[in-house]
Protein backbone atom coordinates (compact mmCIF):
# COMPACT_ATOMS: atom_id res chain seq x y z
CA MET A 1 129.39 95.29 131.68
CA THR A 2 126.93 92.45 132.24
CA ASN A 3 128.02 90.01 134.93
CA ARG A 4 128.81 86.59 133.42
CA PHE A 5 126.88 84.69 136.07
CA LEU A 6 123.76 86.81 135.68
CA ALA A 7 123.98 86.51 131.91
CA ARG A 8 124.07 82.71 132.14
CA LEU A 9 121.04 82.72 134.44
CA ALA A 10 119.16 85.10 132.14
CA SER A 11 119.68 82.66 129.27
CA GLY A 12 117.61 80.06 131.11
CA GLU A 13 120.56 77.66 131.40
CA VAL A 14 120.72 75.10 134.21
CA LEU A 15 124.18 75.42 135.73
CA VAL A 16 126.25 72.70 137.38
CA ALA A 17 128.28 73.71 140.42
CA ASP A 18 131.17 71.67 141.83
CA GLY A 19 131.53 69.08 144.59
CA ALA A 20 133.17 68.84 148.00
CA THR A 21 136.36 70.64 148.99
CA GLY A 22 137.26 69.37 152.46
CA THR A 23 136.44 65.67 152.07
CA ASN A 24 138.33 65.47 148.77
CA LEU A 25 141.38 67.31 150.08
CA GLN A 26 141.46 64.87 153.01
CA LYS A 27 141.86 62.07 150.49
CA VAL A 28 145.08 63.68 149.25
CA GLY A 29 146.65 64.43 152.60
CA LEU A 30 144.79 67.21 154.42
CA GLN A 31 144.85 66.16 158.06
CA SER A 32 141.69 66.14 160.17
CA GLY A 33 141.37 69.45 161.98
CA MET A 34 143.62 71.25 159.50
CA SER A 35 142.19 74.29 157.76
CA PRO A 36 141.79 73.70 154.00
CA GLU A 37 142.44 77.41 153.51
CA ASP A 38 146.04 76.95 154.71
CA TRP A 39 146.65 74.89 151.57
CA VAL A 40 145.98 77.95 149.42
CA PHE A 41 149.53 78.93 150.39
CA ASP A 42 151.01 75.60 151.56
CA ARG A 43 149.82 73.24 148.79
CA PRO A 44 148.39 75.28 145.94
CA ASP A 45 149.07 72.37 143.58
CA LYS A 46 146.51 70.27 145.47
CA ILE A 47 143.92 73.04 145.34
CA VAL A 48 144.42 73.56 141.60
CA ALA A 49 144.23 69.82 140.96
CA LEU A 50 140.90 69.56 142.79
CA HIS A 51 139.46 72.57 140.97
CA ARG A 52 140.65 71.12 137.67
CA SER A 53 138.89 67.84 138.44
CA TRP A 54 135.61 69.76 138.69
CA VAL A 55 136.28 71.57 135.44
CA ASP A 56 137.05 68.26 133.73
CA ALA A 57 133.90 66.71 135.20
CA GLY A 58 131.70 69.38 133.64
CA SER A 59 131.21 72.05 136.29
CA ASP A 60 130.00 75.45 135.17
CA ILE A 61 130.82 76.97 138.57
CA ILE A 62 133.75 76.20 140.88
CA LEU A 63 133.96 77.54 144.42
CA THR A 64 137.15 78.97 145.86
CA CYS A 65 138.82 77.29 148.82
CA THR A 66 137.76 80.12 151.12
CA PHE A 67 134.82 78.69 153.06
CA GLY A 68 136.69 79.54 156.28
CA GLY A 69 138.44 82.56 154.80
CA THR A 70 137.10 85.31 157.05
CA ARG A 71 139.57 86.82 159.48
CA LEU A 72 137.39 85.60 162.37
CA ARG A 73 137.37 81.99 161.10
CA LEU A 74 141.12 82.10 160.42
CA LYS A 75 141.95 83.19 163.98
CA GLU A 76 143.73 79.87 164.67
CA SER A 77 145.57 79.91 161.35
CA ARG A 78 149.07 81.29 160.95
CA TYR A 79 147.69 83.15 157.94
CA VAL A 80 145.10 85.17 159.86
CA ASP A 81 146.96 88.42 159.14
CA ARG A 82 147.04 87.57 155.43
CA ALA A 83 143.30 86.96 155.08
CA PRO A 84 142.73 89.34 152.11
CA GLU A 85 145.78 87.97 150.29
CA LEU A 86 144.62 84.39 150.93
CA ASN A 87 141.21 85.10 149.42
CA ARG A 88 142.65 86.83 146.35
CA ARG A 89 145.12 83.99 145.86
CA ALA A 90 142.32 81.41 146.14
CA VAL A 91 140.51 83.07 143.23
CA GLU A 92 143.69 82.98 141.18
CA LEU A 93 144.09 79.25 141.81
CA ALA A 94 140.54 78.61 140.64
CA GLN A 95 141.13 80.74 137.55
CA GLU A 96 144.30 78.80 136.79
CA ALA A 97 142.40 75.51 137.03
CA ALA A 98 139.69 76.80 134.70
CA SER A 99 142.05 78.26 132.09
CA ALA A 100 141.19 75.52 129.57
CA ARG A 101 137.49 76.39 129.87
CA PRO A 102 137.30 80.18 130.28
CA GLU A 103 133.50 80.06 130.38
CA VAL A 104 133.67 78.41 133.83
CA LEU A 105 132.51 80.79 136.55
CA ILE A 106 134.48 81.38 139.75
CA ALA A 107 132.40 81.66 142.91
CA GLY A 108 133.89 83.13 146.06
CA SER A 109 132.92 80.85 148.96
CA MET A 110 131.98 82.59 152.23
CA GLY A 111 131.09 80.32 155.15
CA PRO A 112 130.06 81.07 158.74
CA THR A 113 132.54 82.67 161.14
CA GLY A 114 132.17 79.80 163.59
CA GLN A 115 130.78 82.15 166.25
CA LEU A 116 127.22 82.74 167.43
CA PHE A 117 125.68 86.18 167.61
CA GLN A 118 125.19 87.83 170.98
CA PRO A 119 123.67 86.97 173.44
CA PHE A 120 124.34 83.32 172.54
CA GLY A 121 127.97 83.97 171.62
CA PRO A 122 130.56 86.75 171.25
CA LEU A 123 129.79 87.87 167.70
CA THR A 124 128.34 91.34 167.12
CA HIS A 125 126.55 92.49 164.00
CA ASP A 126 129.17 95.12 163.24
CA ALA A 127 132.07 92.68 163.63
CA ALA A 128 130.37 90.19 161.32
CA VAL A 129 129.65 92.82 158.66
CA GLU A 130 133.26 94.02 158.84
CA THR A 131 134.82 90.58 158.46
CA TYR A 132 132.53 89.60 155.59
CA ALA A 133 133.12 92.91 153.82
CA GLU A 134 136.87 92.33 154.00
CA GLN A 135 136.52 88.83 152.54
CA ALA A 136 134.07 89.88 149.83
CA LYS A 137 136.30 92.74 148.70
CA ALA A 138 139.30 90.43 148.43
CA LEU A 139 137.34 87.84 146.44
CA ALA A 140 136.01 90.54 144.12
CA ASP A 141 139.46 92.08 143.71
CA GLY A 142 140.76 88.63 142.80
CA GLY A 143 138.25 88.40 139.95
CA ALA A 144 135.41 86.22 141.27
CA ASP A 145 132.23 86.20 139.18
CA LEU A 146 129.86 85.75 142.12
CA LEU A 147 129.79 85.19 145.87
CA VAL A 148 128.28 82.14 147.56
CA ILE A 149 127.40 82.75 151.20
CA GLU A 150 127.06 79.09 152.11
CA THR A 151 126.32 76.58 154.86
CA HIS A 152 124.67 79.22 157.03
CA PHE A 153 122.12 78.30 159.67
CA ALA A 154 121.16 81.61 161.32
CA LEU A 155 119.33 84.50 159.69
CA ASP A 156 121.25 87.16 161.62
CA GLU A 157 124.71 86.04 160.52
CA ALA A 158 123.62 85.40 156.94
CA GLY A 159 122.10 88.88 156.87
CA ALA A 160 125.35 90.38 158.13
CA ALA A 161 127.26 88.47 155.45
CA ILE A 162 125.00 89.87 152.73
CA GLU A 163 125.31 93.38 154.16
CA GLY A 164 129.10 93.16 154.29
CA ALA A 165 129.35 91.75 150.79
CA GLN A 166 127.11 94.44 149.36
CA GLN A 167 129.12 97.15 151.09
CA ALA A 168 132.31 95.82 149.56
CA CYS A 169 131.36 94.99 145.97
CA ASP A 170 128.55 94.59 143.46
CA LEU A 171 128.98 90.88 142.69
CA PRO A 172 125.79 88.78 142.57
CA ILE A 173 125.16 86.79 145.72
CA VAL A 174 123.89 83.25 146.32
CA ILE A 175 122.69 82.65 149.88
CA SER A 176 122.71 78.96 150.81
CA PHE A 177 121.62 77.49 154.15
CA SER A 178 122.45 74.12 155.69
CA PHE A 179 119.27 72.36 156.79
CA ASP A 180 120.69 69.74 159.14
CA ARG A 181 117.41 69.13 160.98
CA GLY A 182 115.47 67.74 158.04
CA VAL A 183 113.97 70.85 156.47
CA ARG A 184 115.15 73.16 159.27
CA THR A 185 118.58 74.48 160.21
CA MET A 186 120.09 73.96 163.65
CA MET A 187 118.58 77.36 164.56
CA GLY A 188 115.14 76.29 163.35
CA VAL A 189 115.15 78.25 160.08
CA LYS A 190 113.00 76.93 157.21
CA PRO A 191 113.36 77.65 153.47
CA THR A 192 110.29 79.89 153.49
CA GLN A 193 111.91 82.03 156.19
CA VAL A 194 115.08 82.36 154.10
CA VAL A 195 113.00 83.62 151.18
CA LYS A 196 111.06 86.04 153.38
CA ALA A 197 114.23 87.41 154.98
CA PHE A 198 116.30 87.89 151.85
CA LYS A 199 114.02 88.24 148.83
CA SER A 200 114.15 92.03 149.14
CA LYS A 201 117.92 92.14 149.80
CA GLY A 202 118.98 91.88 146.17
CA VAL A 203 120.37 88.33 146.22
CA ALA A 204 120.51 86.46 142.91
CA ALA A 205 119.71 83.02 144.31
CA VAL A 206 118.68 81.18 147.46
CA GLY A 207 119.19 77.54 148.28
CA ALA A 208 120.77 74.85 150.36
CA ASN A 209 123.96 72.88 150.68
CA CYS A 210 125.31 70.17 152.98
CA GLY A 211 122.43 69.08 155.26
CA THR A 212 121.32 65.47 155.56
CA THR A 213 119.80 63.14 152.97
CA LEU A 214 119.06 63.52 149.27
CA ASP A 215 115.36 63.07 150.05
CA ASN A 216 115.44 65.98 152.49
CA MET A 217 117.24 68.18 149.96
CA GLU A 218 114.48 67.46 147.47
CA LYS A 219 111.88 68.53 150.04
CA ILE A 220 113.86 71.72 150.68
CA VAL A 221 114.00 72.55 146.98
CA GLN A 222 110.27 71.93 146.72
CA GLU A 223 109.63 74.32 149.62
CA TYR A 224 111.81 76.99 148.04
CA ALA A 225 109.96 76.52 144.75
CA ALA A 226 106.55 76.68 146.44
CA ALA A 227 107.48 80.07 147.89
CA ASP A 228 107.32 81.36 144.30
CA SER A 229 109.85 84.11 145.07
CA GLY A 230 111.16 84.52 141.54
CA LEU A 231 114.67 83.82 142.89
CA ILE A 232 116.98 81.22 141.36
CA ILE A 233 117.26 78.03 143.47
CA TRP A 234 120.65 76.50 144.31
CA ALA A 235 121.00 72.89 145.56
CA LYS A 236 124.24 71.17 146.65
CA PRO A 237 123.45 68.15 148.87
CA ASN A 238 125.89 65.85 150.59
CA ALA A 239 126.47 62.44 149.03
CA GLY A 240 124.30 60.95 151.77
CA LEU A 241 124.96 60.81 155.49
CA PRO A 242 128.54 60.16 156.66
CA VAL A 243 129.51 56.86 158.21
CA MET A 244 132.77 56.67 160.18
CA GLN A 245 135.13 53.92 159.04
CA ASP A 246 138.54 53.75 160.75
CA GLY A 247 138.10 57.36 161.81
CA VAL A 248 137.31 58.57 158.30
CA ALA A 249 133.90 59.84 157.19
CA THR A 250 132.61 57.96 154.16
CA TYR A 251 129.52 58.70 152.08
CA ASP A 252 127.46 55.98 150.45
CA MET A 253 125.48 57.65 147.66
CA THR A 254 126.56 56.46 144.21
CA PRO A 255 127.14 58.81 141.26
CA GLU A 256 123.95 57.48 139.70
CA GLN A 257 121.92 58.23 142.82
CA MET A 258 123.34 61.74 143.06
CA ALA A 259 122.62 62.38 139.39
CA ALA A 260 119.03 61.14 139.65
CA SER A 261 118.42 63.35 142.69
CA ALA A 262 119.97 66.36 140.95
CA MET A 263 117.63 65.85 138.02
CA ARG A 264 114.63 65.68 140.36
CA ASN A 265 115.77 68.95 141.92
CA VAL A 266 115.99 70.54 138.48
CA GLN A 267 112.50 69.29 137.66
CA ALA A 268 111.28 70.78 140.97
CA GLY A 269 112.71 74.18 140.06
CA ALA A 270 116.43 74.28 140.92
CA ARG A 271 118.57 76.08 138.36
CA ILE A 272 121.99 75.37 139.91
CA VAL A 273 122.89 71.88 141.16
CA GLY A 274 126.03 70.21 142.45
CA GLY A 275 127.21 68.40 145.54
CA CYS A 276 128.66 69.05 148.98
CA CYS A 277 130.44 66.77 151.48
CA GLY A 278 131.41 63.40 150.02
CA THR A 279 130.77 64.49 146.43
CA SER A 280 133.65 63.28 144.27
CA PRO A 281 134.54 64.17 140.67
CA ALA A 282 132.81 60.94 139.63
CA HIS A 283 129.59 62.07 141.34
CA LEU A 284 129.88 65.47 139.72
CA ALA A 285 130.50 64.04 136.26
CA ALA A 286 127.32 61.97 136.57
CA ILE A 287 125.34 65.04 137.66
CA ALA A 288 126.72 67.12 134.79
CA ALA A 289 126.01 64.39 132.25
CA VAL A 290 122.36 63.93 133.18
CA VAL A 291 121.65 67.67 133.53
CA LYS A 292 123.35 68.65 130.30
CA ASN A 293 121.87 65.73 128.37
CA SER A 294 118.40 66.68 129.55
CA ALA A 295 118.92 70.31 128.54
CA SER A 296 120.01 69.32 125.03
CA ARG A 297 116.85 67.33 124.26
């Protein structure tokens, strides 16, 4: 059976992903320092409501609330021993939210473990592969259409995540790095290095999320496109840089600014666009409107 995500890509369609999870859940009561993944069990109504807001705004892809869903990342959570169940349940919540639009794709989100690889930290390659394989299997068992290995900054951990995911299932993989030093990650990785490292690994798409400014994201997309890898490009920038107001991070990019930048990324070669931290349903609706309107001309 042809994978739904791959079929949509093969059609030439530009897909709209969703917006931010953490910053939007904080607006409805998630306390600073609290794991959003805990709400998969504690407040599933809030998770479903957020997913549904993306569906209503025009998203083609919604990401599960499992960014920190590896057993290693959940070590401080009371649900650490229920990691596979949490990931499966997160897919079910996303599916419930998308029930009115069954064509919406469910992406299993897989973020960093929060540990550095040896010798800079305690994480070993084998431990990373094992924890990512466990998460990927649970997301696949839950019915995800694809996996998004996102907000990574180091080639070794991202490689282990891909290896673990491919051991566990045959879902298509998006690998997305966070370039928080302009067009480099905190470990100095550039988009061309991401392409070189993973082009031969069977990933469906490469790209970027989070990071810094919209301008920098556009430069990153351009560098990915210039690599001419043949891989689909994914772009989910923050809604600008955060500014702290009364202890709360706020983002100053308007929906119109986000939409205009998304369209420039599409014109530069991105095939999947959305938003990361600070991106609200209003931002996402503006992105979806401009992308879909352009495609229909």
